[in-house]
Amino acid sequence: MIKEPKSKFIKVRCKCKNEQIIFEKCSTKVDCLVCGKPLAVPQGGKAKIEARVLEVLS
């Protein structure tokens, strides 16, 4: 039996309308590629998402 991964990729939208796919459990700060604002900040486990979550990808 193969275990399902506990973390996923998520599609988020920044305030500048840019959409990016990021990892739910990031270990470093993830910034928007267009405007540079933070999208996710690591907190030991799952990251604090600071953008609008559009979709959870599996």
PDB file of N, CA and C in Angstrom:
ATOM      1  N   MET A   1       0.828  -1.165   0.000  1.00  0.00           N
ATOM      2  CA  MET A   1       0.000   0.000   0.000  1.00  0.00           C
ATOM      3  C   MET A   1       0.888   1.249   0.000  1.00  0.00           C
ATOM      4  N   ILE A   2       0.603   2.171  -0.901  1.00  0.00           N
ATOM      5  CA  ILE A   2       1.365   3.408  -1.031  1.00  0.00           C
ATOM      6  C   ILE A   2       0.658   4.514  -0.266  1.00  0.00           C
ATOM      7  N   LYS A   3       1.428   5.242   0.550  1.00  0.00           N
ATOM      8  CA  LYS A   3       0.845   6.323   1.340  1.00  0.00           C
ATOM      9  C   LYS A   3       0.645   7.576   0.487  1.00  0.00           C
ATOM     10  N   GLU A   4      -0.430   8.285   0.770  1.00  0.00           N
ATOM     11  CA  GLU A   4      -0.687   9.568   0.130  1.00  0.00           C
ATOM     12  C   GLU A   4       0.206  10.625   0.772  1.00  0.00           C
ATOM     13  N   PRO A   5       0.714  11.574  -0.011  1.00  0.00           N
ATOM     14  CA  PRO A   5       1.488  12.651   0.598  1.00  0.00           C
ATOM     15  C   PRO A   5       0.600  13.524   1.477  1.00  0.00           C
ATOM     16  N   LYS A   6       1.166  14.049   2.573  1.00  0.00           N
ATOM     17  CA  LYS A   6       0.391  14.857   3.505  1.00  0.00           C
ATOM     18  C   LYS A   6       0.343  16.328   3.110  1.00  0.00           C
ATOM     19  N   SER A   7       1.192  16.740   2.202  1.00  0.00           N
ATOM     20  CA  SER A   7       1.204  18.133   1.771  1.00  0.00           C
ATOM     21  C   SER A   7       0.916  18.218   0.272  1.00  0.00           C
ATOM     22  N   LYS A   8       0.499  19.388  -0.146  1.00  0.00           N
ATOM     23  CA  LYS A   8       0.063  19.565  -1.534  1.00  0.00           C
ATOM     24  C   LYS A   8       0.603  20.875  -2.090  1.00  0.00           C
ATOM     25  N   PHE A   9       0.442  21.030  -3.380  1.00  0.00           N
ATOM     26  CA  PHE A   9       0.725  22.288  -4.036  1.00  0.00           C
ATOM     27  C   PHE A   9      -0.570  23.081  -4.088  1.00  0.00           C
ATOM     28  N   ILE A  10      -0.447  24.402  -4.000  1.00  0.00           N
ATOM     29  CA  ILE A  10      -1.639  25.235  -4.067  1.00  0.00           C
ATOM     30  C   ILE A  10      -1.416  26.362  -5.077  1.00  0.00           C
ATOM     31  N   LYS A  11      -2.486  26.749  -5.740  1.00  0.00           N
ATOM     32  CA  LYS A  11      -2.444  27.870  -6.675  1.00  0.00           C
ATOM     33  C   LYS A  11      -2.974  29.088  -5.930  1.00  0.00           C
ATOM     34  N   VAL A  12      -2.178  30.158  -5.882  1.00  0.00           N
ATOM     35  CA  VAL A  12      -2.557  31.371  -5.167  1.00  0.00           C
ATOM     36  C   VAL A  12      -2.527  32.568  -6.116  1.00  0.00           C
ATOM     37  N   ARG A  13      -3.269  33.609  -5.724  1.00  0.00           N
ATOM     38  CA  ARG A  13      -3.284  34.846  -6.512  1.00  0.00           C
ATOM     39  C   ARG A  13      -2.837  35.993  -5.611  1.00  0.00           C
ATOM     40  N   CYS A  14      -1.860  36.724  -6.079  1.00  0.00           N
ATOM     41  CA  CYS A  14      -1.346  37.883  -5.370  1.00  0.00           C
ATOM     42  C   CYS A  14      -2.305  39.063  -5.572  1.00  0.00           C
ATOM     43  N   LYS A  15      -2.101  40.132  -4.804  1.00  0.00           N
ATOM     44  CA  LYS A  15      -2.928  41.338  -4.964  1.00  0.00           C
ATOM     45  C   LYS A  15      -2.714  42.000  -6.312  1.00  0.00           C
ATOM     46  N   CYS A  16      -1.576  41.734  -6.951  1.00  0.00           N
ATOM     47  CA  CYS A  16      -1.291  42.302  -8.280  1.00  0.00           C
ATOM     48  C   CYS A  16      -1.883  41.444  -9.402  1.00  0.00           C
ATOM     49  N   LYS A  17      -2.698  40.448  -9.042  1.00  0.00           N
ATOM     50  CA  LYS A  17      -3.409  39.545  -9.963  1.00  0.00           C
ATOM     51  C   LYS A  17      -2.524  38.459 -10.577  1.00  0.00           C
ATOM     52  N   ASN A  18      -1.271  38.356 -10.146  1.00  0.00           N
ATOM     53  CA  ASN A  18      -0.399  37.287 -10.617  1.00  0.00           C
ATOM     54  C   ASN A  18      -0.776  35.983  -9.927  1.00  0.00           C
ATOM     55  N   GLU A  19      -0.835  34.884 -10.689  1.00  0.00           N
ATOM     56  CA  GLU A  19      -1.128  33.562 -10.135  1.00  0.00           C
ATOM     57  C   GLU A  19       0.140  32.725 -10.137  1.00  0.00           C
ATOM     58  N   GLN A  20       0.402  32.049  -9.003  1.00  0.00           N
ATOM     59  CA  GLN A  20       1.568  31.183  -8.867  1.00  0.00           C
ATOM     60  C   GLN A  20       1.173  29.898  -8.178  1.00  0.00           C
ATOM     61  N   ILE A  21       1.919  28.849  -8.457  1.00  0.00           N
ATOM     62  CA  ILE A  21       1.744  27.571  -7.762  1.00  0.00           C
ATOM     63  C   ILE A  21       2.892  27.452  -6.769  1.00  0.00           C
ATOM     64  N   ILE A  22       2.527  27.244  -5.486  1.00  0.00           N
ATOM     65  CA  ILE A  22       3.528  27.155  -4.431  1.00  0.00           C
ATOM     66  C   ILE A  22       3.286  25.885  -3.621  1.00  0.00           C
ATOM     67  N   PHE A  23       4.297  25.492  -2.851  1.00  0.00           N
ATOM     68  CA  PHE A  23       4.207  24.311  -2.001  1.00  0.00           C
ATOM     69  C   PHE A  23       3.597  24.697  -0.665  1.00  0.00           C
ATOM     70  N   GLU A  24       2.696  23.868  -0.171  1.00  0.00           N
ATOM     71  CA  GLU A  24       1.973  24.146   1.060  1.00  0.00           C
ATOM     72  C   GLU A  24       2.887  24.201   2.290  1.00  0.00           C
ATOM     73  N   LYS A  25       3.967  23.427   2.278  1.00  0.00           N
ATOM     74  CA  LYS A  25       4.901  23.383   3.409  1.00  0.00           C
ATOM     75  C   LYS A  25       6.259  23.933   2.980  1.00  0.00           C
ATOM     76  N   CYS A  26       6.298  25.206   2.622  1.00  0.00           N
ATOM     77  CA  CYS A  26       7.552  25.794   2.160  1.00  0.00           C
ATOM     78  C   CYS A  26       8.505  26.003   3.341  1.00  0.00           C
ATOM     79  N   SER A  27       9.787  25.893   3.088  1.00  0.00           N
ATOM     80  CA  SER A  27      10.789  26.068   4.143  1.00  0.00           C
ATOM     81  C   SER A  27      11.457  27.436   4.065  1.00  0.00           C
ATOM     82  N   THR A  28      11.201  28.186   2.992  1.00  0.00           N
ATOM     83  CA  THR A  28      11.699  29.554   2.857  1.00  0.00           C
ATOM     84  C   THR A  28      10.547  30.445   2.429  1.00  0.00           C
ATOM     85  N   LYS A  29      10.705  31.740   2.615  1.00  0.00           N
ATOM     86  CA  LYS A  29       9.666  32.691   2.237  1.00  0.00           C
ATOM     87  C   LYS A  29       9.486  32.683   0.725  1.00  0.00           C
ATOM     88  N   VAL A  30       8.232  32.663   0.265  1.00  0.00           N
ATOM     89  CA  VAL A  30       7.924  32.669  -1.165  1.00  0.00           C
ATOM     90  C   VAL A  30       7.344  34.033  -1.518  1.00  0.00           C
ATOM     91  N   ASP A  31       7.997  34.722  -2.449  1.00  0.00           N
ATOM     92  CA  ASP A  31       7.553  36.043  -2.886  1.00  0.00           C
ATOM     93  C   ASP A  31       6.915  35.971  -4.260  1.00  0.00           C
ATOM     94  N   CYS A  32       6.056  36.954  -4.553  1.00  0.00           N
ATOM     95  CA  CYS A  32       5.442  37.066  -5.871  1.00  0.00           C
ATOM     96  C   CYS A  32       6.531  37.369  -6.898  1.00  0.00           C
ATOM     97  N   LEU A  33       6.459  36.726  -8.039  1.00  0.00           N
ATOM     98  CA  LEU A  33       7.471  36.933  -9.071  1.00  0.00           C
ATOM     99  C   LEU A  33       7.306  38.263  -9.787  1.00  0.00           C
ATOM    100  N   VAL A  34       6.131  38.886  -9.682  1.00  0.00           N
ATOM    101  CA  VAL A  34       5.867  40.145 -10.375  1.00  0.00           C
ATOM    102  C   VAL A  34       6.150  41.349  -9.473  1.00  0.00           C
ATOM    103  N   CYS A  35       5.492  41.404  -8.292  1.00  0.00           N
ATOM    104  CA  CYS A  35       5.606  42.597  -7.445  1.00  0.00           C
ATOM    105  C   CYS A  35       6.525  42.406  -6.245  1.00  0.00           C
ATOM    106  N   GLY A  36       6.867  41.164  -5.887  1.00  0.00           N
ATOM    107  CA  GLY A  36       7.798  40.910  -4.797  1.00  0.00           C
ATOM    108  C   GLY A  36       7.181  40.813  -3.413  1.00  0.00           C
ATOM    109  N   LYS A  37       5.850  40.917  -3.304  1.00  0.00           N
ATOM    110  CA  LYS A  37       5.204  40.799  -1.990  1.00  0.00           C
ATOM    111  C   LYS A  37       5.207  39.341  -1.550  1.00  0.00           C
ATOM    112  N   PRO A  38       5.266  39.084  -0.236  1.00  0.00           N
ATOM    113  CA  PRO A  38       5.297  37.699   0.243  1.00  0.00           C
ATOM    114  C   PRO A  38       3.965  36.977   0.008  1.00  0.00           C
ATOM    115  N   LEU A  39       4.045  35.734  -0.482  1.00  0.00           N
ATOM    116  CA  LEU A  39       2.871  34.894  -0.693  1.00  0.00           C
ATOM    117  C   LEU A  39       2.737  33.862   0.412  1.00  0.00           C
ATOM    118  N   ALA A  40       3.865  33.356   0.911  1.00  0.00           N
ATOM    119  CA  ALA A  40       3.853  32.348   1.965  1.00  0.00           C
ATOM    120  C   ALA A  40       5.080  32.534   2.861  1.00  0.00           C
ATOM    121  N   VAL A  41       4.851  32.385   4.168  1.00  0.00           N
ATOM    122  CA  VAL A  41       5.921  32.518   5.152  1.00  0.00           C
ATOM    123  C   VAL A  41       5.978  31.219   5.944  1.00  0.00           C
ATOM    124  N   PRO A  42       7.157  30.571   6.049  1.00  0.00           N
ATOM    125  CA  PRO A  42       7.244  29.301   6.778  1.00  0.00           C
ATOM    126  C   PRO A  42       6.986  29.478   8.266  1.00  0.00           C
ATOM    127  N   GLN A  43       6.355  28.444   8.868  1.00  0.00           N
ATOM    128  CA  GLN A  43       6.068  28.487  10.303  1.00  0.00           C
ATOM    129  C   GLN A  43       6.336  27.137  10.955  1.00  0.00           C
ATOM    130  N   GLY A  44       7.298  26.410  10.474  1.00  0.00           N
ATOM    131  CA  GLY A  44       7.652  25.126  11.066  1.00  0.00           C
ATOM    132  C   GLY A  44       6.944  23.953  10.418  1.00  0.00           C
ATOM    133  N   GLY A  45       5.679  24.053  10.162  1.00  0.00           N
ATOM    134  CA  GLY A  45       4.898  23.009   9.483  1.00  0.00           C
ATOM    135  C   GLY A  45       4.357  23.587   8.191  1.00  0.00           C
ATOM    136  N   LYS A  46       3.047  23.740   8.147  1.00  0.00           N
ATOM    137  CA  LYS A  46       2.451  24.385   6.990  1.00  0.00           C
ATOM    138  C   LYS A  46       2.736  25.876   7.034  1.00  0.00           C
ATOM    139  N   ALA A  47       2.904  26.450   5.863  1.00  0.00           N
ATOM    140  CA  ALA A  47       3.239  27.865   5.773  1.00  0.00           C
ATOM    141  C   ALA A  47       2.005  28.738   5.996  1.00  0.00           C
ATOM    142  N   LYS A  48       2.253  29.960   6.431  1.00  0.00           N
ATOM    143  CA  LYS A  48       1.173  30.943   6.542  1.00  0.00           C
ATOM    144  C   LYS A  48       1.000  31.553   5.157  1.00  0.00           C
ATOM    145  N   ILE A  49      -0.161  31.328   4.548  1.00  0.00           N
ATOM    146  CA  ILE A  49      -0.432  31.809   3.201  1.00  0.00           C
ATOM    147  C   ILE A  49      -0.960  33.234   3.305  1.00  0.00           C
ATOM    148  N   GLU A  50      -0.292  34.161   2.627  1.00  0.00           N
ATOM    149  CA  GLU A  50      -0.675  35.564   2.681  1.00  0.00           C
ATOM    150  C   GLU A  50      -1.271  36.040   1.369  1.00  0.00           C
ATOM    151  N   ALA A  51      -1.776  35.127   0.571  1.00  0.00           N
ATOM    152  CA  ALA A  51      -2.412  35.447  -0.697  1.00  0.00           C
ATOM    153  C   ALA A  51      -3.726  34.675  -0.780  1.00  0.00           C
ATOM    154  N   ARG A  52      -4.501  34.967  -1.788  1.00  0.00           N
ATOM    155  CA  ARG A  52      -5.777  34.290  -1.970  1.00  0.00           C
ATOM    156  C   ARG A  52      -5.550  32.900  -2.581  1.00  0.00           C
ATOM    157  N   VAL A  53      -6.067  31.867  -1.924  1.00  0.00           N
ATOM    158  CA  VAL A  53      -5.925  30.505  -2.423  1.00  0.00           C
ATOM    159  C   VAL A  53      -7.017  30.261  -3.468  1.00  0.00           C
ATOM    160  N   LEU A  54      -6.588  29.899  -4.676  1.00  0.00           N
ATOM    161  CA  LEU A  54      -7.537  29.648  -5.763  1.00  0.00           C
ATOM    162  C   LEU A  54      -7.898  28.180  -5.882  1.00  0.00           C
ATOM    163  N   GLU A  55      -6.890  27.312  -5.693  1.00  0.00           N
ATOM    164  CA  GLU A  55      -7.108  25.873  -5.929  1.00  0.00           C
ATOM    165  C   GLU A  55      -6.066  25.077  -5.180  1.00  0.00           C
ATOM    166  N   VAL A  56      -6.476  23.916  -4.681  1.00  0.00           N
ATOM    167  CA  VAL A  56      -5.556  22.971  -4.043  1.00  0.00           C
ATOM    168  C   VAL A  56      -5.304  21.852  -5.038  1.00  0.00           C
ATOM    169  N   LEU A  57      -4.055  21.683  -5.421  1.00  0.00           N
ATOM    170  CA  LEU A  57      -3.686  20.680  -6.425  1.00  0.00           C
ATOM    171  C   LEU A  57      -3.201  19.417  -5.727  1.00  0.00           C
ATOM    172  N   SER A  58      -3.478  18.280  -6.317  1.00  0.00           N
ATOM    173  CA  SER A  58      -3.028  17.034  -5.688  1.00  0.00           C
ATOM    174  C   SER A  58      -1.912  16.377  -6.456  1.00  0.00           C
TER     175      SER A  58
END
